[in-house]
């Protein structure tokens, strides 16, 4: 039942679909209907990130999820790993 909810939820309400480059990070805030949808989105991103071996810095406050991507092994700069993960997150 939980997996079905994860598949059905995560309908992002965010109008801004662009990642911003700031402070050597790709950053974006996603907004959802409620906490449950935001958390379902985070679960989906977690599985995706794990499969790519690249993990976001993120925060969640109720229905908003802010994600920052940077590559620590490259001196905390934006690399192709970050761009690839950002693109994959956009497909969720």
C-alpha atoms as a PDB file:
ATOM      1  CA  UNK A   1       0.000   0.000   0.000  1.00  0.00           C
ATOM      2  CA  UNK A   2       2.843   2.414   0.811  1.00  0.00           C
ATOM      3  CA  UNK A   3       4.557   1.698  -2.512  1.00  0.00           C
ATOM      4  CA  UNK A   4       1.289   2.353  -4.349  1.00  0.00           C
ATOM      5  CA  UNK A   5       0.947   5.702  -2.554  1.00  0.00           C
ATOM      6  CA  UNK A   6       4.513   6.573  -3.517  1.00  0.00           C
ATOM      7  CA  UNK A   7       3.768   5.822  -7.152  1.00  0.00           C
ATOM      8  CA  UNK A   8       0.554   7.843  -7.175  1.00  0.00           C
ATOM      9  CA  UNK A   9       1.785  10.837  -5.213  1.00  0.00           C
ATOM     10  CA  UNK A  10       4.504  13.396  -5.787  1.00  0.00           C
ATOM     11  CA  UNK A  11       2.503  15.753  -7.911  1.00  0.00           C
ATOM     12  CA  UNK A  12       4.746  18.763  -7.705  1.00  0.00           C
ATOM     13  CA  UNK A  13       2.983  22.127  -7.675  1.00  0.00           C
ATOM     14  CA  UNK A  14       6.174  24.081  -8.286  1.00  0.00           C
ATOM     15  CA  UNK A  15       5.895  26.459 -11.206  1.00  0.00           C
ATOM     16  CA  UNK A  16       9.632  27.159 -11.327  1.00  0.00           C
ATOM     17  CA  UNK A  17      11.188  24.197 -13.107  1.00  0.00           C
ATOM     18  CA  UNK A  18      14.689  25.600 -13.282  1.00  0.00           C
ATOM     19  CA  UNK A  19      17.656  24.630 -11.199  1.00  0.00           C
ATOM     20  CA  UNK A  20      19.711  27.606 -10.035  1.00  0.00           C
ATOM     21  CA  UNK A  21      23.485  27.594  -9.903  1.00  0.00           C
ATOM     22  CA  UNK A  22      24.549  29.324  -6.702  1.00  0.00           C
ATOM     23  CA  UNK A  23      27.490  28.917  -4.329  1.00  0.00           C
ATOM     24  CA  UNK A  24      28.926  26.033  -6.380  1.00  0.00           C
ATOM     25  CA  UNK A  25      25.647  24.106  -6.087  1.00  0.00           C
ATOM     26  CA  UNK A  26      22.635  23.311  -8.218  1.00  0.00           C
ATOM     27  CA  UNK A  27      19.605  24.240  -6.123  1.00  0.00           C
ATOM     28  CA  UNK A  28      15.862  23.949  -6.501  1.00  0.00           C
ATOM     29  CA  UNK A  29      12.822  24.070  -4.228  1.00  0.00           C
ATOM     30  CA  UNK A  30       9.846  21.838  -4.969  1.00  0.00           C
ATOM     31  CA  UNK A  31       6.380  22.499  -3.542  1.00  0.00           C
ATOM     32  CA  UNK A  32       3.705  19.845  -3.041  1.00  0.00           C
ATOM     33  CA  UNK A  33       0.103  19.638  -1.876  1.00  0.00           C
ATOM     34  CA  UNK A  34       1.057  18.481   1.615  1.00  0.00           C
ATOM     35  CA  UNK A  35       3.740  16.834   3.739  1.00  0.00           C
ATOM     36  CA  UNK A  36       2.812  13.323   2.631  1.00  0.00           C
ATOM     37  CA  UNK A  37       3.407  14.149  -1.042  1.00  0.00           C
ATOM     38  CA  UNK A  38       6.652  15.945  -0.219  1.00  0.00           C
ATOM     39  CA  UNK A  39       7.897  12.945   1.740  1.00  0.00           C
ATOM     40  CA  UNK A  40       6.870  10.527  -1.027  1.00  0.00           C
ATOM     41  CA  UNK A  41       8.904  12.629  -3.464  1.00  0.00           C
ATOM     42  CA  UNK A  42      11.901  12.472  -1.124  1.00  0.00           C
ATOM     43  CA  UNK A  43      11.611   8.673  -0.991  1.00  0.00           C
ATOM     44  CA  UNK A  44      11.608   8.475  -4.779  1.00  0.00           C
ATOM     45  CA  UNK A  45      14.620  10.796  -4.988  1.00  0.00           C
ATOM     46  CA  UNK A  46      16.416   8.713  -2.345  1.00  0.00           C
ATOM     47  CA  UNK A  47      16.118   5.536  -4.425  1.00  0.00           C
ATOM     48  CA  UNK A  48      17.167   7.397  -7.559  1.00  0.00           C
ATOM     49  CA  UNK A  49      20.168   9.006  -5.862  1.00  0.00           C
ATOM     50  CA  UNK A  50      21.257   5.692  -4.388  1.00  0.00           C
ATOM     51  CA  UNK A  51      21.117   4.048  -7.813  1.00  0.00           C
ATOM     52  CA  UNK A  52      23.404   6.783  -9.170  1.00  0.00           C
ATOM     53  CA  UNK A  53      25.724   6.728  -6.158  1.00  0.00           C
ATOM     54  CA  UNK A  54      25.306  10.478  -5.755  1.00  0.00           C
ATOM     55  CA  UNK A  55      23.365  11.968  -2.870  1.00  0.00           C
ATOM     56  CA  UNK A  56      21.723  15.369  -2.406  1.00  0.00           C
ATOM     57  CA  UNK A  57      21.860  17.803   0.444  1.00  0.00           C
ATOM     58  CA  UNK A  58      18.243  18.592   1.154  1.00  0.00           C
ATOM     59  CA  UNK A  59      15.714  19.910   3.598  1.00  0.00           C
ATOM     60  CA  UNK A  60      11.990  19.503   4.063  1.00  0.00           C
ATOM     61  CA  UNK A  61       9.558  21.880   5.714  1.00  0.00           C
ATOM     62  CA  UNK A  62       5.957  20.652   5.484  1.00  0.00           C
ATOM     63  CA  UNK A  63       5.151  20.685   1.736  1.00  0.00           C
ATOM     64  CA  UNK A  64       8.467  22.081   0.468  1.00  0.00           C
ATOM     65  CA  UNK A  65      11.618  20.163  -0.394  1.00  0.00           C
ATOM     66  CA  UNK A  66      14.822  22.056  -1.163  1.00  0.00           C
ATOM     67  CA  UNK A  67      17.562  20.114  -2.909  1.00  0.00           C
ATOM     68  CA  UNK A  68      21.189  21.172  -3.360  1.00  0.00           C
ATOM     69  CA  UNK A  69      23.544  19.175  -5.547  1.00  0.00           C
ATOM     70  CA  UNK A  70      27.325  19.456  -5.448  1.00  0.00           C
ATOM     71  CA  UNK A  71      30.159  16.962  -5.818  1.00  0.00           C
ATOM     72  CA  UNK A  72      32.217  16.761  -2.645  1.00  0.00           C
ATOM     73  CA  UNK A  73      34.966  14.677  -4.284  1.00  0.00           C
ATOM     74  CA  UNK A  74      35.508  17.466  -6.834  1.00  0.00           C
ATOM     75  CA  UNK A  75      36.057  20.172  -4.244  1.00  0.00           C
ATOM     76  CA  UNK A  76      32.370  20.959  -3.699  1.00  0.00           C
ATOM     77  CA  UNK A  77      31.743  22.091  -7.257  1.00  0.00           C
ATOM     78  CA  UNK A  78      29.045  21.301  -9.796  1.00  0.00           C
ATOM     79  CA  UNK A  79      29.940  18.357 -12.012  1.00  0.00           C
ATOM     80  CA  UNK A  80      28.220  16.172 -14.590  1.00  0.00           C
ATOM     81  CA  UNK A  81      27.092  13.906 -11.710  1.00  0.00           C
ATOM     82  CA  UNK A  82      25.031  16.789 -10.335  1.00  0.00           C
ATOM     83  CA  UNK A  83      23.533  17.679 -13.707  1.00  0.00           C
ATOM     84  CA  UNK A  84      22.664  14.031 -14.369  1.00  0.00           C
ATOM     85  CA  UNK A  85      20.927  13.648 -11.004  1.00  0.00           C
ATOM     86  CA  UNK A  86      19.072  16.958 -11.419  1.00  0.00           C
ATOM     87  CA  UNK A  87      17.798  15.846 -14.815  1.00  0.00           C
ATOM     88  CA  UNK A  88      16.674  12.502 -13.387  1.00  0.00           C
ATOM     89  CA  UNK A  89      14.907  14.220 -10.475  1.00  0.00           C
ATOM     90  CA  UNK A  90      13.042  16.372 -12.986  1.00  0.00           C
ATOM     91  CA  UNK A  91      11.661  13.183 -14.556  1.00  0.00           C
ATOM     92  CA  UNK A  92       9.968  12.092 -11.311  1.00  0.00           C
END
